[in-house]
């Protein structure tokens, strides 16, 4: 590198440093101690040697990763009474449930504190929903019917199952009260992050 090329690089470095300093000086006045205390109180607990910036980034990533867009597609009404003695019985394992619009079939079996869920998209729906992530939630007051996405927390979904190229997917989920409650009147929808 020649002396002329070196001096240009040095000059560029000086200008970049000057620009950085001018940017810092143009910032509003620093936060007061009370404002800092309130900010720190809202952040998650510090892990190891995290900086305040690290904690803010972790908090924003956690909240963003927890939100999903859920597009309700169909719901299922369980018509037959269950003869089980369980508080919240599962559907008869020998009989698959079909969505009210006939696009999905849901099969549910239980074994060793796990619930096996099989979702099958039927007919043309198999092509429409192949390779998509399907979520299950319980029908509640929020349910607008099919059409119109709603934002839900990942915790609101009792299951997320990736369908294959044939529109079929399955998952093994911990047997818990929220899952059983949702399976009394499940709503099936497409899940997208964000």
Protein backbone atom coordinates (compact mmCIF):
# COMPACT_ATOMS: atom_id res chain seq x y z
CA UNK A 1 0.00 0.00 0.00
CA UNK A 2 1.37 3.42 -0.91
CA UNK A 3 1.63 6.37 1.46
CA UNK A 4 -1.17 8.12 -0.47
CA UNK A 5 -3.50 5.12 -0.09
CA UNK A 6 -2.64 4.88 3.62
CA UNK A 7 -3.34 8.55 4.22
CA UNK A 8 -6.76 8.20 2.53
CA UNK A 9 -7.61 5.27 4.81
CA UNK A 10 -6.46 7.25 7.85
CA UNK A 11 -8.52 10.23 6.70
CA UNK A 12 -11.61 8.04 6.27
CA UNK A 13 -11.08 6.56 9.73
CA UNK A 14 -10.85 10.05 11.23
CA UNK A 15 -14.05 11.16 9.46
CA UNK A 16 -15.91 8.03 10.67
CA UNK A 17 -14.77 8.67 14.23
CA UNK A 18 -15.82 12.33 13.98
CA UNK A 19 -19.23 11.27 12.64
CA UNK A 20 -19.64 8.82 15.54
CA UNK A 21 -18.77 11.51 18.10
CA UNK A 22 -21.20 14.01 16.56
CA UNK A 23 -23.93 11.37 16.67
CA UNK A 24 -23.27 10.73 20.35
CA UNK A 25 -23.36 14.46 21.11
CA UNK A 26 -26.71 14.90 19.33
CA UNK A 27 -28.46 12.47 21.68
CA UNK A 28 -30.98 13.92 24.14
CA UNK A 29 -30.03 14.41 27.76
CA UNK A 30 -29.29 11.23 29.68
CA UNK A 31 -32.01 9.45 31.63
CA UNK A 32 -32.61 10.44 35.23
CA UNK A 33 -31.88 7.94 38.01
CA UNK A 34 -35.64 7.38 38.48
CA UNK A 35 -36.10 6.66 34.76
CA UNK A 36 -33.20 4.21 34.89
CA UNK A 37 -34.66 2.46 37.95
CA UNK A 38 -38.08 2.12 36.25
CA UNK A 39 -36.47 0.72 33.10
CA UNK A 40 -34.39 -1.80 35.05
CA UNK A 41 -37.46 -2.90 37.05
CA UNK A 42 -39.21 -3.89 33.79
CA UNK A 43 -36.33 -6.02 32.51
CA UNK A 44 -35.96 -9.76 33.12
CA UNK A 45 -33.43 -10.81 35.79
CA UNK A 46 -29.79 -10.60 34.79
CA UNK A 47 -28.16 -13.84 33.63
CA UNK A 48 -24.41 -14.16 34.16
CA UNK A 49 -22.67 -11.04 32.83
CA UNK A 50 -25.48 -9.68 30.66
CA UNK A 51 -25.51 -5.97 29.93
CA UNK A 52 -28.69 -3.91 30.04
CA UNK A 53 -28.74 -4.03 26.24
CA UNK A 54 -28.51 -7.83 26.33
CA UNK A 55 -31.45 -7.99 28.75
CA UNK A 56 -33.56 -5.67 26.53
CA UNK A 57 -32.78 -7.78 23.44
CA UNK A 58 -33.61 -11.00 25.30
CA UNK A 59 -36.90 -9.55 26.52
CA UNK A 60 -37.93 -8.40 23.02
CA UNK A 61 -36.92 -11.72 21.43
CA UNK A 62 -38.89 -13.68 24.02
CA UNK A 63 -42.05 -11.64 23.53
CA UNK A 64 -41.78 -11.76 19.73
CA UNK A 65 -41.09 -15.49 19.65
CA UNK A 66 -44.15 -16.15 21.84
CA UNK A 67 -46.62 -14.44 19.50
CA UNK A 68 -48.18 -16.22 16.54
CA UNK A 69 -50.77 -15.41 13.93
CA UNK A 70 -53.51 -18.03 14.06
CA UNK A 71 -55.88 -18.28 11.10
CA UNK A 72 -58.87 -20.35 12.27
CA UNK A 73 -60.00 -22.77 9.57
CA UNK A 74 -62.47 -25.16 11.12
CA UNK A 75 -63.88 -26.35 14.39
CA UNK A 76 -65.06 -29.73 15.58
CA UNK A 77 -68.17 -30.45 17.63
CA UNK A 78 -68.02 -33.61 19.70
CA UNK A 79 -71.56 -34.92 19.45
CA UNK A 80 -71.45 -38.26 21.24
CA UNK A 81 -71.42 -38.48 25.01
CA UNK A 82 -68.36 -40.10 26.53
CA UNK A 83 -68.89 -42.91 28.99
CA UNK A 84 -65.47 -42.42 30.56
CA UNK A 85 -65.15 -41.73 34.26
CA UNK A 86 -62.41 -39.15 33.65
CA UNK A 87 -63.02 -35.52 34.61
CA UNK A 88 -62.33 -34.33 31.03
CA UNK A 89 -62.60 -37.39 28.79
CA UNK A 90 -60.85 -37.73 25.47
CA UNK A 91 -62.86 -38.70 22.39
CA UNK A 92 -63.35 -42.40 21.69
CA UNK A 93 -59.94 -43.54 20.37
CA UNK A 94 -61.58 -45.79 17.77
CA UNK A 95 -63.56 -42.97 16.18
CA UNK A 96 -61.90 -40.05 14.41
CA UNK A 97 -63.48 -36.60 14.66
CA UNK A 98 -64.24 -34.65 11.51
CA UNK A 99 -64.36 -30.87 11.26
CA UNK A 100 -67.76 -29.25 10.69
CA UNK A 101 -66.76 -28.28 7.15
CA UNK A 102 -65.36 -31.74 6.30
CA UNK A 103 -61.82 -30.52 5.56
CA UNK A 104 -60.02 -32.12 8.53
CA UNK A 105 -60.03 -35.39 10.45
CA UNK A 106 -58.63 -35.54 13.98
CA UNK A 107 -57.69 -38.83 15.65
CA UNK A 108 -56.73 -38.88 19.32
CA UNK A 109 -55.27 -41.66 21.45
CA UNK A 110 -53.74 -41.65 24.91
CA UNK A 111 -50.80 -43.62 26.24
CA UNK A 112 -48.43 -43.22 29.19
CA UNK A 113 -49.31 -39.60 30.11
CA UNK A 114 -49.07 -38.53 26.47
CA UNK A 115 -51.75 -37.77 23.92
CA UNK A 116 -51.11 -38.74 20.31
CA UNK A 117 -52.83 -36.42 17.83
CA UNK A 118 -53.14 -37.16 14.13
CA UNK A 119 -54.50 -34.42 11.85
CA UNK A 120 -55.42 -35.24 8.28
CA UNK A 121 -56.44 -32.64 5.71
CA UNK A 122 -59.07 -34.24 3.48
CA UNK A 123 -59.76 -33.89 -0.24
CA UNK A 124 -58.63 -30.61 -1.80
CA UNK A 125 -57.67 -29.34 1.66
CA UNK A 126 -54.74 -31.78 1.57
CA UNK A 127 -53.20 -29.75 -1.27
CA UNK A 128 -54.14 -26.41 0.31
CA UNK A 129 -52.52 -27.15 3.67
CA UNK A 130 -49.63 -29.45 2.72
CA UNK A 131 -46.39 -28.48 4.48
CA UNK A 132 -48.13 -25.92 6.71
CA UNK A 133 -48.09 -25.69 10.48
CA UNK A 134 -51.49 -26.40 11.99
CA UNK A 135 -52.42 -25.36 15.50
CA UNK A 136 -55.10 -26.58 17.87
CA UNK A 137 -56.84 -24.36 20.40
CA UNK A 138 -60.03 -24.71 22.36
CA UNK A 139 -63.06 -22.80 21.12
CA UNK A 140 -63.71 -19.81 23.31
CA UNK A 141 -65.19 -16.33 23.23
CA UNK A 142 -62.35 -15.17 20.96
CA UNK A 143 -63.38 -17.52 18.13
CA UNK A 144 -64.72 -15.49 15.18
CA UNK A 145 -65.35 -18.53 13.00
CA UNK A 146 -63.12 -19.31 10.05
CA UNK A 147 -61.61 -16.29 8.36
CA UNK A 148 -59.57 -13.49 9.88
CA UNK A 149 -56.30 -14.15 11.67
CA UNK A 150 -55.99 -13.52 15.38
CA UNK A 151 -52.80 -12.96 17.38
CA UNK A 152 -52.30 -15.54 20.07
CA UNK A 153 -49.54 -16.38 22.45
CA UNK A 154 -47.83 -19.68 21.76
CA UNK A 155 -49.05 -20.69 25.22
CA UNK A 156 -52.68 -20.38 24.01
CA UNK A 157 -52.08 -23.14 21.46
CA UNK A 158 -52.31 -26.64 22.89
CA UNK A 159 -50.54 -28.18 19.89
CA UNK A 160 -48.65 -27.14 16.77
CA UNK A 161 -48.28 -29.88 14.18
CA UNK A 162 -46.43 -29.65 10.88
CA UNK A 163 -48.34 -31.28 8.04
CA UNK A 164 -46.42 -33.24 5.43
CA UNK A 165 -46.74 -33.04 1.64
CA UNK A 166 -49.92 -35.18 1.83
CA UNK A 167 -51.57 -32.86 4.37
CA UNK A 168 -51.09 -35.25 7.31
CA UNK A 169 -49.28 -34.59 10.57
CA UNK A 170 -49.00 -36.00 14.04
CA UNK A 171 -47.66 -35.07 17.42
CA UNK A 172 -47.19 -36.51 20.89
CA UNK A 173 -48.19 -34.00 23.57
CA UNK A 174 -48.10 -34.14 27.36
CA UNK A 175 -51.51 -35.10 28.75
CA UNK A 176 -52.64 -32.03 30.67
CA UNK A 177 -55.92 -30.43 31.62
CA UNK A 178 -55.62 -27.53 29.10
CA UNK A 179 -55.15 -29.97 26.23
CA UNK A 180 -58.10 -32.12 27.27
CA UNK A 181 -60.26 -29.01 27.71
CA UNK A 182 -59.33 -27.78 24.22
CA UNK A 183 -60.13 -31.18 22.72
CA UNK A 184 -63.73 -30.90 23.96
CA UNK A 185 -64.31 -28.38 21.16
CA UNK A 186 -61.11 -28.00 19.13
CA UNK A 187 -60.45 -25.28 16.59
CA UNK A 188 -57.95 -26.03 13.83
CA UNK A 189 -55.99 -23.23 12.17
CA UNK A 190 -52.85 -22.31 10.29
CA UNK A 191 -50.04 -20.99 12.51
CA UNK A 192 -47.51 -18.40 11.35
CA UNK A 193 -44.89 -16.69 13.48
CA UNK A 194 -45.33 -13.07 14.26
